Amino acid sequence: MIIHKSYSKLELINLMKNCGIKCDVNNENNKKEVVEYIKDNYKKFKITNKDNRYNIKNIPTFKNYLINENPLKKLNTKDKNNIILNAKRIINYCINDYNLDESTFDSIEDLNNIINEIKYYSYISSVRRALKLFNNNPNLNKKVDYDLPQEIEYDLKPEPQFFIKIRTGIFRYDMINCKLEVIEEH
């Protein structure tokens, strides 16, 4: 099995943990050790979390996922920084009430070219924010369509809300039996 070099050590470990694969590697191991561990043991892996963020249901899809390039690392550092910088320029344009004079853009065509260039990188949070703010423009004729990668959609699902009730009064905690006894409640 060949693992594409675009995956980092932490991404490989998080991939296994998110799929529910029990593994004997952690952050203390280096990337070479993690890759060797996966190559030697992937046939023994069992995916216990079928509802994982990578949409991996079985070992053949796990293997296929690792053979291909990391879908979340399509840019090198220099290109990613340029995309983020352009997204920040768009955010600045949107925050200044969509005023072209107070932005770094020379024309609407320049702005639209940058929007069309960065919309493919919606897995970057500043790009998502820029596109969302740009689409909130009341003078916009057509909204910019962009797709969120499946991994990002999974992360953006709202967590269930839990409510707590705060009780006041005098309480005694029995540390041996791990019980809370209410003496007086207000």
Protein backbone atom coordinates (compact mmCIF):
# COMPACT_ATOMS: atom_id res chain seq x y z
CA MET A 1 0.00 0.00 0.00
CA ILE A 2 1.25 3.47 -0.91
CA ILE A 3 0.24 6.48 1.20
CA HIS A 4 0.31 9.80 -0.60
CA LYS A 5 2.95 12.17 0.74
CA SER A 6 0.49 15.07 1.12
CA TYR A 7 -0.80 13.66 4.43
CA SER A 8 0.84 14.84 7.61
CA LYS A 9 1.44 12.66 10.65
CA LEU A 10 -1.38 14.31 12.60
CA GLU A 11 -3.82 13.99 9.70
CA LEU A 12 -3.13 10.25 9.47
CA ILE A 13 -3.61 9.79 13.22
CA ASN A 14 -6.80 11.88 13.23
CA LEU A 15 -8.10 9.93 10.23
CA MET A 16 -7.69 6.64 12.07
CA LYS A 17 -9.22 8.01 15.28
CA ASN A 18 -12.17 9.54 13.46
CA CYS A 19 -12.86 6.25 11.68
CA GLY A 20 -12.79 4.44 15.01
CA ILE A 21 -9.68 2.44 14.15
CA LYS A 22 -7.75 1.33 17.21
CA CYS A 23 -4.11 2.16 16.66
CA ASP A 24 -0.85 1.93 18.57
CA VAL A 25 0.58 5.21 17.26
CA ASN A 26 0.24 8.70 18.70
CA ASN A 27 1.74 12.18 18.41
CA GLU A 28 5.04 10.98 19.85
CA ASN A 29 5.71 8.83 16.78
CA ASN A 30 7.18 10.42 13.67
CA LYS A 31 5.49 10.37 10.26
CA LYS A 32 7.60 7.48 8.97
CA GLU A 33 6.58 5.30 11.93
CA VAL A 34 2.89 6.16 11.45
CA VAL A 35 3.06 5.40 7.71
CA GLU A 36 4.83 2.09 8.35
CA TYR A 37 2.27 1.17 11.01
CA ILE A 38 -0.60 1.80 8.57
CA LYS A 39 1.12 -0.12 5.76
CA ASP A 40 1.79 -3.11 8.01
CA ASN A 41 -1.59 -3.25 9.73
CA TYR A 42 -4.27 -1.78 7.45
CA LYS A 43 -5.67 -5.25 6.62
CA LYS A 44 -6.38 -5.80 10.33
CA PHE A 45 -8.13 -2.46 10.79
CA LYS A 46 -11.85 -2.38 11.58
CA ILE A 47 -13.79 0.80 10.95
CA THR A 48 -16.16 1.12 13.89
CA ASN A 49 -17.36 4.67 13.18
CA LYS A 50 -19.20 4.43 9.85
CA ASP A 51 -20.49 8.00 10.27
CA ASN A 52 -17.02 9.54 10.14
CA ARG A 53 -16.16 12.90 8.63
CA TYR A 54 -14.23 11.30 5.75
CA ASN A 55 -17.18 9.14 4.60
CA ILE A 56 -15.03 6.00 4.85
CA LYS A 57 -17.18 2.91 5.39
CA ASN A 58 -14.73 0.04 4.84
CA ILE A 59 -11.05 -0.81 4.42
CA PRO A 60 -10.96 -0.59 0.57
CA THR A 61 -12.29 2.99 0.71
CA PHE A 62 -9.80 3.72 3.52
CA LYS A 63 -6.97 2.44 1.34
CA ASN A 64 -8.22 4.37 -1.70
CA TYR A 65 -8.51 7.55 0.37
CA LEU A 66 -4.86 7.30 1.46
CA ILE A 67 -3.53 6.44 -2.00
CA ASN A 68 -4.96 9.64 -3.47
CA GLU A 69 -3.79 13.16 -2.69
CA ASN A 70 -5.09 14.71 0.51
CA PRO A 71 -8.26 16.57 -0.56
CA LEU A 72 -7.69 19.23 2.11
CA LYS A 73 -4.12 20.01 1.00
CA LYS A 74 -4.35 21.08 -2.59
CA LEU A 75 -2.27 24.22 -2.13
CA ASN A 76 1.30 24.85 -1.15
CA THR A 77 1.95 27.39 1.59
CA LYS A 78 2.64 30.31 -0.74
CA ASP A 79 -0.54 29.79 -2.76
CA LYS A 80 -2.64 29.27 0.36
CA ASN A 81 -1.32 32.52 1.85
CA ASN A 82 -2.25 34.36 -1.37
CA ILE A 83 -5.77 32.89 -1.26
CA ILE A 84 -6.15 33.94 2.39
CA LEU A 85 -4.85 37.43 1.59
CA ASN A 86 -7.39 37.81 -1.22
CA ALA A 87 -10.15 36.58 1.09
CA LYS A 88 -9.15 39.21 3.65
CA ARG A 89 -9.28 41.87 0.94
CA ILE A 90 -12.85 40.79 0.14
CA ILE A 91 -13.77 40.76 3.85
CA ASN A 92 -12.40 44.32 4.12
CA TYR A 93 -14.51 45.35 1.11
CA CYS A 94 -17.62 43.84 2.71
CA ILE A 95 -17.02 45.33 6.16
CA ASN A 96 -16.67 48.81 4.64
CA ASP A 97 -20.29 48.67 3.41
CA TYR A 98 -19.34 47.24 0.01
CA ASN A 99 -17.62 50.49 -0.89
CA LEU A 100 -15.11 50.06 -3.71
CA ASP A 101 -13.33 53.33 -2.91
CA GLU A 102 -12.34 52.14 0.58
CA SER A 103 -11.10 48.77 -0.65
CA THR A 104 -7.96 47.58 -2.38
CA PHE A 105 -9.86 46.72 -5.57
CA ASP A 106 -9.67 48.94 -8.64
CA SER A 107 -12.92 47.80 -10.23
CA ILE A 108 -15.86 45.45 -9.86
CA GLU A 109 -14.33 43.22 -12.54
CA ASP A 110 -11.18 42.87 -10.43
CA LEU A 111 -13.30 41.96 -7.41
CA ASN A 112 -15.31 39.39 -9.39
CA ASN A 113 -12.12 37.82 -10.77
CA ILE A 114 -10.75 37.37 -7.25
CA ILE A 115 -14.09 35.95 -6.05
CA ASN A 116 -14.14 33.43 -8.89
CA GLU A 117 -10.54 32.48 -8.13
CA ILE A 118 -10.98 31.81 -4.41
CA LYS A 119 -14.44 30.19 -4.37
CA TYR A 120 -12.90 26.77 -5.07
CA TYR A 121 -11.01 26.86 -1.76
CA SER A 122 -14.00 26.96 0.57
CA TYR A 123 -12.28 24.53 2.92
CA ILE A 124 -10.31 27.56 4.19
CA SER A 125 -12.29 29.37 6.87
CA SER A 126 -11.42 32.92 5.78
CA VAL A 127 -12.59 32.11 2.24
CA ARG A 128 -15.92 30.83 3.60
CA ARG A 129 -16.31 34.02 5.62
CA ALA A 130 -15.46 36.22 2.63
CA LEU A 131 -17.95 34.42 0.39
CA LYS A 132 -20.67 34.55 3.05
CA LEU A 133 -20.16 38.30 3.60
CA PHE A 134 -20.02 38.92 -0.15
CA ASN A 135 -23.29 37.05 -0.68
CA ASN A 136 -24.94 39.26 1.99
CA ASN A 137 -24.46 42.31 -0.25
CA PRO A 138 -27.95 43.82 -0.78
CA ASN A 139 -26.95 45.21 -4.20
CA LEU A 140 -25.74 41.83 -5.48
CA ASN A 141 -27.64 40.53 -8.52
CA LYS A 142 -26.33 36.95 -8.42
CA LYS A 143 -24.91 35.14 -5.40
CA VAL A 144 -21.65 33.23 -5.63
CA ASP A 145 -22.16 29.47 -5.46
CA TYR A 146 -19.54 27.41 -3.67
CA ASP A 147 -19.40 23.88 -2.38
CA LEU A 148 -18.25 22.91 1.07
CA PRO A 149 -16.13 19.78 1.23
CA GLN A 150 -17.85 16.92 3.02
CA GLU A 151 -15.29 17.02 5.83
CA ILE A 152 -16.07 20.68 6.55
CA GLU A 153 -19.84 20.11 6.49
CA TYR A 154 -19.39 17.39 9.09
CA ASP A 155 -17.38 19.76 11.32
CA LEU A 156 -19.89 22.59 10.95
CA LYS A 157 -22.88 20.57 12.14
CA PRO A 158 -24.23 22.21 15.29
CA GLU A 159 -23.49 20.43 18.52
CA PRO A 160 -26.50 19.41 20.61
CA GLN A 161 -27.34 22.04 23.20
CA PHE A 162 -27.31 21.06 26.84
CA PHE A 163 -28.97 23.10 29.53
CA ILE A 164 -27.96 23.11 33.14
CA LYS A 165 -29.91 24.11 36.18
CA ILE A 166 -27.98 25.99 38.80
CA ARG A 167 -29.02 25.17 42.30
CA THR A 168 -28.15 27.32 45.28
CA GLY A 169 -28.07 26.41 48.91
CA ILE A 170 -26.08 24.30 51.32
CA PHE A 171 -24.91 20.91 50.10
CA ARG A 172 -22.72 18.13 51.44
CA TYR A 173 -20.71 15.90 49.13
CA ASP A 174 -20.01 12.34 50.33
CA MET A 175 -16.66 11.58 48.69
CA ILE A 176 -16.71 7.90 49.62
CA ASN A 177 -20.08 7.18 47.97
CA CYS A 178 -19.83 10.01 45.41
CA LYS A 179 -23.22 11.45 46.29
CA LEU A 180 -24.44 14.98 46.81
CA GLU A 181 -26.77 15.55 49.76
CA VAL A 182 -28.99 18.64 49.87
CA ILE A 183 -29.05 20.19 53.32
CA GLU A 184 -30.83 23.45 52.48
CA GLU A 185 -31.83 24.73 49.04
CA HIS A 186 -32.70 28.34 48.25
